[in-house]
Amino acid sequence: MTVAVQGETARTTPRKSPLHRIKYSYDRYWYAWAMCLPVVLVLGAIVGYPLIQGIYLSFTDATSQNVGRTIGANHIPDTYSWVGLTNYVGILTGANNQFWPHLFWTIAWTVACVVLTYAIGLALAVVLNRDIRARGLYRMLLILPWAVPTFVTIFAWRLILADDGAVNQLLALLHITGPSWLSDPLAQKVAAVGVNIWCGVPFMMVSLLGGLQAIPRELHEAAEMDGATAWQRFVNVTLPGLRPVSSTVILLGVIWTFNQFNVIFLLFGTNSDSVQILVTYAYKLFFGQQPQDYASSAAVGILCLSLLVVFTSVYRRWLKRNDEGALA
């Protein structure tokens, strides 16, 4: 009877509005709000304001010729105007037809990099989670690509992938003619994926290794006593135990790879259109032509942000639905 009354009370109690919940949280945890305030202000200054400015510019015809600037003692005012959705329509349906090829390649690049990085990182994590000789040395060597600054790694790979670099010299020893990794369109894509995997595998490996070490050994021992093979233990114990870590690193991997400016720009520059992803395409619109097209560059950036927001929302809902199905 008591349970029924409590359930009835829970159903009849009105839910508090978000404003009431915020006020209650502030009244009870005001010190936490006070400690978060500096961080919020800094993020608002370095992230919020540029984002709002970029959204505004995407609805204008701003270029390097009509944006206000100061030359010596003379100030030239802004002369750009509001054009509404013209930039977005031009990007999505314009005659130059550059957005969609870059988008398709960006998606293919992101999927290939994340899938291969996760698979290689998981394989290395499983190996390093075992009791093997010199395990600490192997971990240190595999983390080195992550510790080295990205621009140093990429410049080293430019030398390795040059026409007379180490890769083509090794292929020549095998009587194979190596492609021009830095100029041939298909070879550029393969090289971009390979270099990004080299840079991303250490993070994936370390994250998954931490997840593996958090799985209780008793689960593996119980499965082994029940007669499960190594593959069955991996599928039914290891992968479910890694689910929280995997969902997070995959989401981060997608966001980072989708916006991976350094690898493409430092490896190929902006002259090779076939390998440009959306963020380097936006950079090229901003800096790689005259007059510099601030508005179109901002519009491409807002489209990238919108795509990632949609993907993140769908991905999290999919994970939540799967978790609820597993609990049911």
C-alpha atoms as a PDB file:
ATOM      1  CA  MET A   1       0.000   0.000   0.000  1.00  0.00           C
ATOM      2  CA  THR A   2       2.831   2.359   0.874  1.00  0.00           C
ATOM      3  CA  VAL A   3       4.503   1.717  -2.457  1.00  0.00           C
ATOM      4  CA  ALA A   4       1.285   2.465  -4.290  1.00  0.00           C
ATOM      5  CA  VAL A   5       0.836   5.741  -2.432  1.00  0.00           C
ATOM      6  CA  GLN A   6       4.404   6.746  -3.149  1.00  0.00           C
ATOM      7  CA  GLY A   7       3.977   5.935  -6.834  1.00  0.00           C
ATOM      8  CA  GLU A   8       0.730   7.938  -6.931  1.00  0.00           C
ATOM      9  CA  THR A   9       2.455  10.870  -5.262  1.00  0.00           C
ATOM     10  CA  ALA A  10       5.347  10.705  -7.771  1.00  0.00           C
ATOM     11  CA  ARG A  11       2.893  10.724 -10.676  1.00  0.00           C
ATOM     12  CA  THR A  12       0.845  13.663  -9.354  1.00  0.00           C
ATOM     13  CA  THR A  13       3.795  15.875  -8.340  1.00  0.00           C
ATOM     14  CA  PRO A  14       4.309  18.440 -11.102  1.00  0.00           C
ATOM     15  CA  ARG A  15       7.700  18.506 -12.736  1.00  0.00           C
ATOM     16  CA  LYS A  16       9.723  21.640 -12.102  1.00  0.00           C
ATOM     17  CA  SER A  17      10.550  23.870 -15.014  1.00  0.00           C
ATOM     18  CA  PRO A  18      14.185  24.189 -16.176  1.00  0.00           C
ATOM     19  CA  LEU A  19      14.302  27.690 -14.672  1.00  0.00           C
ATOM     20  CA  HIS A  20      13.243  26.357 -11.258  1.00  0.00           C
ATOM     21  CA  ARG A  21      15.823  23.572 -11.456  1.00  0.00           C
ATOM     22  CA  ILE A  22      18.580  26.067 -12.308  1.00  0.00           C
ATOM     23  CA  LYS A  23      17.531  28.339  -9.440  1.00  0.00           C
ATOM     24  CA  TYR A  24      17.479  25.387  -7.047  1.00  0.00           C
ATOM     25  CA  SER A  25      20.907  24.262  -8.223  1.00  0.00           C
ATOM     26  CA  TYR A  26      22.306  27.775  -7.814  1.00  0.00           C
ATOM     27  CA  ASP A  27      20.854  28.154  -4.316  1.00  0.00           C
ATOM     28  CA  ARG A  28      22.314  24.819  -3.228  1.00  0.00           C
ATOM     29  CA  TYR A  29      25.608  24.774  -5.149  1.00  0.00           C
ATOM     30  CA  TRP A  30      26.430  28.463  -5.542  1.00  0.00           C
ATOM     31  CA  TYR A  31      30.125  27.808  -4.864  1.00  0.00           C
ATOM     32  CA  ALA A  32      30.307  25.426  -7.851  1.00  0.00           C
ATOM     33  CA  TRP A  33      28.719  28.087 -10.060  1.00  0.00           C
ATOM     34  CA  ALA A  34      31.246  30.613  -8.785  1.00  0.00           C
ATOM     35  CA  MET A  35      34.177  28.320  -9.606  1.00  0.00           C
ATOM     36  CA  CYS A  36      32.787  27.591 -13.089  1.00  0.00           C
ATOM     37  CA  LEU A  37      32.248  31.278 -13.898  1.00  0.00           C
ATOM     38  CA  PRO A  38      35.879  32.053 -14.950  1.00  0.00           C
ATOM     39  CA  VAL A  39      35.912  29.050 -17.254  1.00  0.00           C
ATOM     40  CA  VAL A  40      32.590  30.075 -18.776  1.00  0.00           C
ATOM     41  CA  LEU A  41      33.861  33.615 -19.367  1.00  0.00           C
ATOM     42  CA  VAL A  42      37.078  32.395 -20.999  1.00  0.00           C
ATOM     43  CA  LEU A  43      35.214  29.938 -23.236  1.00  0.00           C
ATOM     44  CA  GLY A  44      32.733  32.649 -24.131  1.00  0.00           C
ATOM     45  CA  ALA A  45      35.583  34.946 -25.160  1.00  0.00           C
ATOM     46  CA  ILE A  46      37.656  32.450 -27.169  1.00  0.00           C
ATOM     47  CA  VAL A  47      34.867  30.205 -28.490  1.00  0.00           C
ATOM     48  CA  GLY A  48      31.471  31.862 -28.122  1.00  0.00           C
ATOM     49  CA  TYR A  49      32.287  35.272 -29.609  1.00  0.00           C
ATOM     50  CA  PRO A  50      34.144  33.926 -32.701  1.00  0.00           C
ATOM     51  CA  LEU A  51      31.302  31.455 -33.272  1.00  0.00           C
ATOM     52  CA  ILE A  52      28.664  34.200 -33.151  1.00  0.00           C
ATOM     53  CA  GLN A  53      30.801  36.402 -35.391  1.00  0.00           C
ATOM     54  CA  GLY A  54      31.237  33.529 -37.868  1.00  0.00           C
ATOM     55  CA  ILE A  55      27.502  32.847 -37.955  1.00  0.00           C
ATOM     56  CA  TYR A  56      26.853  36.528 -38.637  1.00  0.00           C
ATOM     57  CA  LEU A  57      29.473  36.751 -41.391  1.00  0.00           C
ATOM     58  CA  SER A  58      28.008  33.695 -43.111  1.00  0.00           C
ATOM     59  CA  PHE A  59      24.871  35.733 -43.826  1.00  0.00           C
ATOM     60  CA  THR A  60      26.799  38.615 -45.394  1.00  0.00           C
ATOM     61  CA  ASP A  61      28.959  39.204 -48.476  1.00  0.00           C
ATOM     62  CA  ALA A  62      32.081  39.991 -46.452  1.00  0.00           C
ATOM     63  CA  THR A  63      35.417  39.767 -48.264  1.00  0.00           C
ATOM     64  CA  SER A  64      38.884  41.168 -47.687  1.00  0.00           C
ATOM     65  CA  GLN A  65      37.904  44.163 -49.814  1.00  0.00           C
ATOM     66  CA  ASN A  66      34.815  45.319 -47.924  1.00  0.00           C
ATOM     67  CA  VAL A  67      35.694  44.494 -44.299  1.00  0.00           C
ATOM     68  CA  GLY A  68      36.736  47.485 -42.218  1.00  0.00           C
ATOM     69  CA  ARG A  69      40.395  47.907 -41.316  1.00  0.00           C
ATOM     70  CA  THR A  70      42.816  50.489 -40.039  1.00  0.00           C
ATOM     71  CA  ILE A  71      45.776  51.594 -42.138  1.00  0.00           C
ATOM     72  CA  GLY A  72      48.020  53.913 -40.188  1.00  0.00           C
ATOM     73  CA  ALA A  73      45.860  56.749 -38.867  1.00  0.00           C
ATOM     74  CA  ASN A  74      43.068  56.064 -41.371  1.00  0.00           C
ATOM     75  CA  HIS A  75      40.140  53.779 -40.586  1.00  0.00           C
ATOM     76  CA  ILE A  76      38.184  52.205 -43.455  1.00  0.00           C
ATOM     77  CA  PRO A  77      34.652  51.258 -42.319  1.00  0.00           C
ATOM     78  CA  ASP A  78      32.792  48.051 -43.164  1.00  0.00           C
ATOM     79  CA  THR A  79      30.939  48.128 -46.476  1.00  0.00           C
ATOM     80  CA  TYR A  80      29.647  44.554 -46.664  1.00  0.00           C
ATOM     81  CA  SER A  81      25.912  43.924 -46.520  1.00  0.00           C
ATOM     82  CA  TRP A  82      23.420  41.306 -45.350  1.00  0.00           C
ATOM     83  CA  VAL A  83      22.610  38.720 -48.025  1.00  0.00           C
ATOM     84  CA  GLY A  84      20.657  36.120 -46.026  1.00  0.00           C
ATOM     85  CA  LEU A  85      21.018  32.517 -47.176  1.00  0.00           C
ATOM     86  CA  THR A  86      22.739  33.421 -50.455  1.00  0.00           C
ATOM     87  CA  ASN A  87      26.106  32.005 -49.367  1.00  0.00           C
ATOM     88  CA  TYR A  88      24.584  28.696 -48.242  1.00  0.00           C
ATOM     89  CA  VAL A  89      22.597  28.351 -51.457  1.00  0.00           C
ATOM     90  CA  GLY A  90      25.690  29.154 -53.502  1.00  0.00           C
ATOM     91  CA  ILE A  91      27.807  26.603 -51.636  1.00  0.00           C
ATOM     92  CA  LEU A  92      25.241  23.806 -51.838  1.00  0.00           C
ATOM     93  CA  THR A  93      23.981  24.433 -55.382  1.00  0.00           C
ATOM     94  CA  GLY A  94      26.562  26.779 -56.916  1.00  0.00           C
ATOM     95  CA  ALA A  95      28.172  26.404 -60.307  1.00  0.00           C
ATOM     96  CA  ASN A  96      31.655  25.614 -58.946  1.00  0.00           C
ATOM     97  CA  ASN A  97      30.261  22.403 -57.322  1.00  0.00           C
ATOM     98  CA  GLN A  98      33.056  22.172 -54.774  1.00  0.00           C
ATOM     99  CA  PHE A  99      31.189  21.495 -51.529  1.00  0.00           C
ATOM    100  CA  TRP A 100      29.748  18.037 -52.248  1.00  0.00           C
ATOM    101  CA  PRO A 101      32.969  16.376 -53.500  1.00  0.00           C
ATOM    102  CA  HIS A 102      34.789  17.732 -50.447  1.00  0.00           C
ATOM    103  CA  LEU A 103      31.979  16.547 -48.180  1.00  0.00           C
ATOM    104  CA  PHE A 104      31.985  13.003 -49.628  1.00  0.00           C
ATOM    105  CA  TRP A 105      35.757  12.771 -49.296  1.00  0.00           C
ATOM    106  CA  THR A 106      35.602  14.178 -45.736  1.00  0.00           C
ATOM    107  CA  ILE A 107      33.082  11.499 -44.745  1.00  0.00           C
ATOM    108  CA  ALA A 108      35.107   8.729 -46.417  1.00  0.00           C
ATOM    109  CA  TRP A 109      38.317  10.015 -44.812  1.00  0.00           C
ATOM    110  CA  THR A 110      36.668  10.202 -41.377  1.00  0.00           C
ATOM    111  CA  VAL A 111      35.155   6.708 -41.564  1.00  0.00           C
ATOM    112  CA  ALA A 112      38.369   5.105 -42.856  1.00  0.00           C
ATOM    113  CA  CYS A 113      40.574   6.803 -40.265  1.00  0.00           C
ATOM    114  CA  VAL A 114      38.312   6.134 -37.279  1.00  0.00           C
ATOM    115  CA  VAL A 115      37.624   2.492 -38.176  1.00  0.00           C
ATOM    116  CA  LEU A 116      41.276   1.652 -38.844  1.00  0.00           C
ATOM    117  CA  THR A 117      42.564   3.659 -35.892  1.00  0.00           C
ATOM    118  CA  TYR A 118      40.112   1.965 -33.541  1.00  0.00           C
ATOM    119  CA  ALA A 119      40.875  -1.515 -34.896  1.00  0.00           C
ATOM    120  CA  ILE A 120      44.650  -1.087 -34.701  1.00  0.00           C
ATOM    121  CA  GLY A 121      44.462   0.613 -31.303  1.00  0.00           C
ATOM    122  CA  LEU A 122      42.262  -2.176 -29.937  1.00  0.00           C
ATOM    123  CA  ALA A 123      44.588  -4.873 -31.265  1.00  0.00           C
ATOM    124  CA  LEU A 124      47.636  -3.217 -29.701  1.00  0.00           C
ATOM    125  CA  ALA A 125      45.781  -2.644 -26.425  1.00  0.00           C
ATOM    126  CA  VAL A 126      44.797  -6.317 -26.229  1.00  0.00           C
ATOM    127  CA  VAL A 127      48.403  -7.368 -26.829  1.00  0.00           C
ATOM    128  CA  LEU A 128      49.829  -4.918 -24.285  1.00  0.00           C
ATOM    129  CA  ASN A 129      47.247  -5.930 -21.697  1.00  0.00           C
ATOM    130  CA  ARG A 130      48.862  -9.355 -21.495  1.00  0.00           C
ATOM    131  CA  ASP A 131      51.843 -10.270 -19.341  1.00  0.00           C
ATOM    132  CA  ILE A 132      54.582 -10.105 -21.961  1.00  0.00           C
ATOM    133  CA  ARG A 133      58.279  -9.402 -21.589  1.00  0.00           C
ATOM    134  CA  ALA A 134      59.327  -5.712 -21.946  1.00  0.00           C
ATOM    135  CA  ARG A 135      55.701  -4.578 -21.960  1.00  0.00           C
ATOM    136  CA  GLY A 136      56.654  -1.160 -20.559  1.00  0.00           C
ATOM    137  CA  LEU A 137      59.160  -0.608 -23.374  1.00  0.00           C
ATOM    138  CA  TYR A 138      56.577  -1.477 -26.025  1.00  0.00           C
ATOM    139  CA  ARG A 139      54.068   0.906 -24.467  1.00  0.00           C
ATOM    140  CA  MET A 140      56.610   3.733 -24.477  1.00  0.00           C
ATOM    141  CA  LEU A 141      57.572   3.133 -28.121  1.00  0.00           C
ATOM    142  CA  LEU A 142      53.934   2.996 -29.244  1.00  0.00           C
ATOM    143  CA  ILE A 143      53.084   6.222 -27.425  1.00  0.00           C
ATOM    144  CA  LEU A 144      56.000   8.134 -29.003  1.00  0.00           C
ATOM    145  CA  PRO A 145      54.097   9.160 -32.182  1.00  0.00           C
ATOM    146  CA  TRP A 146      51.553  10.839 -29.918  1.00  0.00           C
ATOM    147  CA  ALA A 147      54.219  12.580 -27.812  1.00  0.00           C
ATOM    148  CA  VAL A 148      56.010  14.084 -30.816  1.00  0.00           C
ATOM    149  CA  PRO A 149      54.467  17.415 -31.976  1.00  0.00           C
ATOM    150  CA  THR A 150      52.134  16.876 -34.907  1.00  0.00           C
ATOM    151  CA  PHE A 151      53.889  19.247 -37.280  1.00  0.00           C
ATOM    152  CA  VAL A 152      57.215  17.473 -36.681  1.00  0.00           C
ATOM    153  CA  THR A 153      55.612  14.097 -37.414  1.00  0.00           C
ATOM    154  CA  ILE A 154      53.968  15.340 -40.602  1.00  0.00           C
ATOM    155  CA  PHE A 155      57.099  17.024 -41.920  1.00  0.00           C
ATOM    156  CA  ALA A 156      58.976  13.784 -41.312  1.00  0.00           C
ATOM    157  CA  TRP A 157      56.331  11.927 -43.270  1.00  0.00           C
ATOM    158  CA  ARG A 158      56.682  14.438 -46.124  1.00  0.00           C
ATOM    159  CA  LEU A 159      60.313  13.393 -46.420  1.00  0.00           C
ATOM    160  CA  ILE A 160      59.448   9.704 -46.131  1.00  0.00           C
ATOM    161  CA  LEU A 161      56.698   9.938 -48.777  1.00  0.00           C
ATOM    162  CA  ALA A 162      58.673  12.045 -51.259  1.00  0.00           C
ATOM    163  CA  ASP A 163      59.326  10.588 -54.709  1.00  0.00           C
ATOM    164  CA  ASP A 164      62.845   9.648 -53.601  1.00  0.00           C
ATOM    165  CA  GLY A 165      61.835   9.000 -50.017  1.00  0.00           C
ATOM    166  CA  ALA A 166      62.147   5.909 -47.874  1.00  0.00           C
ATOM    167  CA  VAL A 167      58.802   4.391 -48.887  1.00  0.00           C
ATOM    168  CA  ASN A 168      59.512   4.452 -52.617  1.00  0.00           C
ATOM    169  CA  GLN A 169      63.079   3.262 -52.054  1.00  0.00           C
ATOM    170  CA  LEU A 170      61.739   0.287 -50.114  1.00  0.00           C
ATOM    171  CA  LEU A 171      59.236  -0.439 -52.880  1.00  0.00           C
ATOM    172  CA  ALA A 172      62.068  -0.223 -55.443  1.00  0.00           C
ATOM    173  CA  LEU A 173      63.920  -2.952 -53.559  1.00  0.00           C
ATOM    174  CA  LEU A 174      60.826  -5.101 -54.113  1.00  0.00           C
ATOM    175  CA  HIS A 175      60.832  -4.155 -57.820  1.00  0.00           C
ATOM    176  CA  ILE A 176      57.656  -2.092 -57.381  1.00  0.00           C
ATOM    177  CA  THR A 177      57.333   1.393 -58.834  1.00  0.00           C
ATOM    178  CA  GLY A 178      56.119   3.651 -56.055  1.00  0.00           C
ATOM    179  CA  PRO A 179      53.488   6.307 -56.783  1.00  0.00           C
ATOM    180  CA  SER A 180      53.870  10.018 -56.221  1.00  0.00           C
ATOM    181  CA  TRP A 181      52.406  10.047 -52.723  1.00  0.00           C
ATOM    182  CA  LEU A 182      52.300  13.823 -52.506  1.00  0.00           C
ATOM    183  CA  SER A 183      50.851  14.603 -55.928  1.00  0.00           C
ATOM    184  CA  ASP A 184      48.877  11.647 -57.329  1.00  0.00           C
ATOM    185  CA  PRO A 185      45.197  12.020 -56.228  1.00  0.00           C
ATOM    186  CA  LEU A 186      44.633   8.410 -55.171  1.00  0.00           C
ATOM    187  CA  ALA A 187      48.042   8.086 -53.533  1.00  0.00           C
ATOM    188  CA  GLN A 188      47.414  11.336 -51.668  1.00  0.00           C
ATOM    189  CA  LYS A 189      44.260   9.891 -50.109  1.00  0.00           C
ATOM    190  CA  VAL A 190      46.077   6.725 -49.043  1.00  0.00           C
ATOM    191  CA  ALA A 191      48.958   8.754 -47.626  1.00  0.00           C
ATOM    192  CA  ALA A 192      46.585  11.083 -45.739  1.00  0.00           C
ATOM    193  CA  VAL A 193      44.750   8.181 -44.120  1.00  0.00           C
ATOM    194  CA  GLY A 194      48.015   6.426 -43.237  1.00  0.00           C
ATOM    195  CA  VAL A 195      49.622   9.488 -41.626  1.00  0.00           C
ATOM    196  CA  ASN A 196      46.474  10.299 -39.658  1.00  0.00           C
ATOM    197  CA  ILE A 197      46.316   6.710 -38.390  1.00  0.00           C
ATOM    198  CA  TRP A 198      49.954   6.960 -37.315  1.00  0.00           C
ATOM    199  CA  CYS A 199      49.141  10.089 -35.311  1.00  0.00           C
ATOM    200  CA  GLY A 200      45.865   8.769 -33.848  1.00  0.00           C
ATOM    201  CA  VAL A 201      46.601   5.152 -32.899  1.00  0.00           C
ATOM    202  CA  PRO A 202      48.537   5.966 -29.672  1.00  0.00           C
ATOM    203  CA  PHE A 203      45.596   7.856 -28.155  1.00  0.00           C
ATOM    204  CA  MET A 204      43.181   5.103 -29.111  1.00  0.00           C
ATOM    205  CA  MET A 205      45.511   2.421 -27.766  1.00  0.00           C
ATOM    206  CA  VAL A 206      46.055   4.148 -24.407  1.00  0.00           C
ATOM    207  CA  SER A 207      42.321   4.820 -23.936  1.00  0.00           C
ATOM    208  CA  LEU A 208      41.321   1.252 -24.781  1.00  0.00           C
ATOM    209  CA  LEU A 209      44.132  -0.170 -22.666  1.00  0.00           C
ATOM    210  CA  GLY A 210      42.744   1.707 -19.683  1.00  0.00           C
ATOM    211  CA  GLY A 211      39.304   0.280 -20.463  1.00  0.00           C
ATOM    212  CA  LEU A 212      40.695  -3.243 -20.691  1.00  0.00           C
ATOM    213  CA  GLN A 213      42.405  -2.952 -17.328  1.00  0.00           C
ATOM    214  CA  ALA A 214      39.117  -1.841 -15.766  1.00  0.00           C
ATOM    215  CA  ILE A 215      37.379  -5.078 -16.793  1.00  0.00           C
ATOM    216  CA  PRO A 216      37.426  -7.513 -13.827  1.00  0.00           C
ATOM    217  CA  ARG A 217      39.610 -10.553 -14.484  1.00  0.00           C
ATOM    218  CA  GLU A 218      36.991 -12.699 -12.783  1.00  0.00           C
ATOM    219  CA  LEU A 219      34.734 -12.282 -15.800  1.00  0.00           C
ATOM    220  CA  HIS A 220      37.344 -13.718 -18.148  1.00  0.00           C
ATOM    221  CA  GLU A 221      38.163 -16.513 -15.727  1.00  0.00           C
ATOM    222  CA  ALA A 222      34.489 -17.428 -15.333  1.00  0.00           C
ATOM    223  CA  ALA A 223      34.007 -17.458 -19.104  1.00  0.00           C
ATOM    224  CA  GLU A 224      37.108 -19.629 -19.534  1.00  0.00           C
ATOM    225  CA  MET A 225      35.838 -22.077 -16.915  1.00  0.00           C
ATOM    226  CA  ASP A 226      32.545 -22.280 -18.801  1.00  0.00           C
ATOM    227  CA  GLY A 227      34.478 -23.434 -21.866  1.00  0.00           C
ATOM    228  CA  ALA A 228      34.435 -20.194 -23.872  1.00  0.00           C
ATOM    229  CA  THR A 229      37.125 -19.864 -26.517  1.00  0.00           C
ATOM    230  CA  ALA A 230      39.432 -16.837 -26.719  1.00  0.00           C
ATOM    231  CA  TRP A 231      37.297 -15.319 -29.489  1.00  0.00           C
ATOM    232  CA  GLN A 232      34.077 -15.897 -27.519  1.00  0.00           C
ATOM    233  CA  ARG A 233      35.623 -14.244 -24.457  1.00  0.00           C
ATOM    234  CA  PHE A 234      36.679 -11.302 -26.605  1.00  0.00           C
ATOM    235  CA  VAL A 235      33.219 -10.875 -28.158  1.00  0.00           C
ATOM    236  CA  ASN A 236      31.101 -11.535 -25.071  1.00  0.00           C
ATOM    237  CA  VAL A 237      33.292 -10.128 -22.294  1.00  0.00           C
ATOM    238  CA  THR A 238      35.927  -7.746 -23.653  1.00  0.00           C
ATOM    239  CA  LEU A 239      33.874  -5.765 -26.166  1.00  0.00           C
ATOM    240  CA  PRO A 240      30.861  -5.238 -23.834  1.00  0.00           C
ATOM    241  CA  GLY A 241      33.247  -4.206 -21.067  1.00  0.00           C
ATOM    242  CA  LEU A 242      34.861  -1.665 -23.389  1.00  0.00           C
ATOM    243  CA  ARG A 243      31.535  -0.191 -24.495  1.00  0.00           C
ATOM    244  CA  PRO A 244      31.687   2.998 -22.345  1.00  0.00           C
ATOM    245  CA  VAL A 245      35.267   3.741 -23.415  1.00  0.00           C
ATOM    246  CA  SER A 246      34.680   2.761 -27.048  1.00  0.00           C
ATOM    247  CA  SER A 247      31.628   4.992 -27.436  1.00  0.00           C
ATOM    248  CA  THR A 248      33.589   7.979 -26.123  1.00  0.00           C
ATOM    249  CA  VAL A 249      36.790   7.498 -28.134  1.00  0.00           C
ATOM    250  CA  ILE A 250      34.850   6.828 -31.334  1.00  0.00           C
ATOM    251  CA  LEU A 251      32.871  10.045 -30.887  1.00  0.00           C
ATOM    252  CA  LEU A 252      36.041  12.007 -30.163  1.00  0.00           C
ATOM    253  CA  GLY A 253      37.784  10.320 -33.095  1.00  0.00           C
ATOM    254  CA  VAL A 254      35.014  11.317 -35.499  1.00  0.00           C
ATOM    255  CA  ILE A 255      35.037  14.945 -34.318  1.00  0.00           C
ATOM    256  CA  TRP A 256      38.835  15.238 -34.386  1.00  0.00           C
ATOM    257  CA  THR A 257      39.237  13.514 -37.747  1.00  0.00           C
ATOM    258  CA  PHE A 258      36.418  15.477 -39.383  1.00  0.00           C
ATOM    259  CA  ASN A 259      38.225  18.674 -38.325  1.00  0.00           C
ATOM    260  CA  GLN A 260      41.774  17.363 -38.800  1.00  0.00           C
ATOM    261  CA  PHE A 261      43.339  20.405 -40.420  1.00  0.00           C
ATOM    262  CA  ASN A 262      46.999  19.740 -39.631  1.00  0.00           C
ATOM    263  CA  VAL A 263      47.510  16.482 -41.514  1.00  0.00           C
ATOM    264  CA  ILE A 264      45.976  17.651 -44.792  1.00  0.00           C
ATOM    265  CA  PHE A 265      47.377  21.175 -44.765  1.00  0.00           C
ATOM    266  CA  LEU A 266      50.925  20.366 -43.654  1.00  0.00           C
ATOM    267  CA  LEU A 267      51.187  17.293 -45.866  1.00  0.00           C
ATOM    268  CA  PHE A 268      49.716  18.671 -49.104  1.00  0.00           C
ATOM    269  CA  GLY A 269      48.989  22.378 -48.674  1.00  0.00           C
ATOM    270  CA  THR A 270      45.854  23.774 -50.344  1.00  0.00           C
ATOM    271  CA  ASN A 271      46.770  23.290 -54.005  1.00  0.00           C
ATOM    272  CA  SER A 272      45.599  19.662 -54.299  1.00  0.00           C
ATOM    273  CA  ASP A 273      41.802  19.900 -54.494  1.00  0.00           C
ATOM    274  CA  SER A 274      41.214  16.142 -54.591  1.00  0.00           C
ATOM    275  CA  VAL A 275      42.444  15.587 -51.033  1.00  0.00           C
ATOM    276  CA  GLN A 276      41.038  18.703 -49.348  1.00  0.00           C
ATOM    277  CA  ILE A 277      38.519  18.116 -46.570  1.00  0.00           C
ATOM    278  CA  LEU A 278      35.910  20.691 -45.592  1.00  0.00           C
ATOM    279  CA  VAL A 279      38.019  22.524 -43.003  1.00  0.00           C
ATOM    280  CA  THR A 280      40.943  22.980 -45.398  1.00  0.00           C
ATOM    281  CA  TYR A 281      38.485  23.973 -48.125  1.00  0.00           C
ATOM    282  CA  ALA A 282      37.146  26.689 -45.787  1.00  0.00           C
ATOM    283  CA  TYR A 283      40.737  27.773 -45.092  1.00  0.00           C
ATOM    284  CA  LYS A 284      41.418  27.998 -48.816  1.00  0.00           C
ATOM    285  CA  LEU A 285      38.365  30.224 -49.302  1.00  0.00           C
ATOM    286  CA  PHE A 286      39.585  32.452 -46.491  1.00  0.00           C
ATOM    287  CA  PHE A 287      43.305  32.704 -47.295  1.00  0.00           C
ATOM    288  CA  GLY A 288      43.952  30.975 -50.616  1.00  0.00           C
ATOM    289  CA  GLN A 289      42.380  33.392 -53.062  1.00  0.00           C
ATOM    290  CA  GLN A 290      41.938  37.067 -53.786  1.00  0.00           C
ATOM    291  CA  PRO A 291      39.754  38.646 -52.641  1.00  0.00           C
ATOM    292  CA  GLN A 292      39.557  36.501 -49.533  1.00  0.00           C
ATOM    293  CA  ASP A 293      35.991  35.203 -49.192  1.00  0.00           C
ATOM    294  CA  TYR A 294      35.242  35.563 -45.486  1.00  0.00           C
ATOM    295  CA  ALA A 295      31.508  34.951 -45.848  1.00  0.00           C
ATOM    296  CA  SER A 296      31.711  31.691 -47.808  1.00  0.00           C
ATOM    297  CA  SER A 297      34.469  30.417 -45.531  1.00  0.00           C
ATOM    298  CA  ALA A 298      32.316  31.133 -42.482  1.00  0.00           C
ATOM    299  CA  ALA A 299      29.351  29.410 -44.137  1.00  0.00           C
ATOM    300  CA  VAL A 300      31.398  26.253 -44.775  1.00  0.00           C
ATOM    301  CA  GLY A 301      32.530  26.309 -41.155  1.00  0.00           C
ATOM    302  CA  ILE A 302      28.938  26.594 -39.904  1.00  0.00           C
ATOM    303  CA  LEU A 303      27.923  23.698 -42.164  1.00  0.00           C
ATOM    304  CA  CYS A 304      30.733  21.584 -40.666  1.00  0.00           C
ATOM    305  CA  LEU A 305      29.553  22.459 -37.168  1.00  0.00           C
ATOM    306  CA  SER A 306      25.956  21.608 -38.063  1.00  0.00           C
ATOM    307  CA  LEU A 307      26.947  18.226 -39.488  1.00  0.00           C
ATOM    308  CA  LEU A 308      28.890  17.343 -36.343  1.00  0.00           C
ATOM    309  CA  VAL A 309      26.043  18.464 -34.067  1.00  0.00           C
ATOM    310  CA  VAL A 310      23.577  16.301 -35.997  1.00  0.00           C
ATOM    311  CA  PHE A 311      25.932  13.321 -35.963  1.00  0.00           C
ATOM    312  CA  THR A 312      26.616  13.680 -32.227  1.00  0.00           C
ATOM    313  CA  SER A 313      22.895  13.869 -31.429  1.00  0.00           C
ATOM    314  CA  VAL A 314      22.038  10.826 -33.547  1.00  0.00           C
ATOM    315  CA  TYR A 315      25.032   8.870 -32.211  1.00  0.00           C
ATOM    316  CA  ARG A 316      24.168   9.531 -28.569  1.00  0.00           C
ATOM    317  CA  ARG A 317      20.521   8.624 -29.102  1.00  0.00           C
ATOM    318  CA  TRP A 318      21.580   5.413 -30.820  1.00  0.00           C
ATOM    319  CA  LEU A 319      23.851   4.526 -27.894  1.00  0.00           C
ATOM    320  CA  LYS A 320      21.097   5.318 -25.397  1.00  0.00           C
ATOM    321  CA  ARG A 321      18.607   3.157 -27.291  1.00  0.00           C
ATOM    322  CA  ASN A 322      21.066   0.257 -27.414  1.00  0.00           C
ATOM    323  CA  ASP A 323      21.807   0.596 -23.694  1.00  0.00           C
ATOM    324  CA  GLU A 324      18.105   0.562 -22.876  1.00  0.00           C
ATOM    325  CA  GLY A 325      17.639  -2.495 -25.098  1.00  0.00           C
ATOM    326  CA  ALA A 326      20.513  -4.278 -23.366  1.00  0.00           C
ATOM    327  CA  LEU A 327      19.037  -3.549 -19.927  1.00  0.00           C
ATOM    328  CA  ALA A 328      15.591  -4.730 -21.030  1.00  0.00           C
END
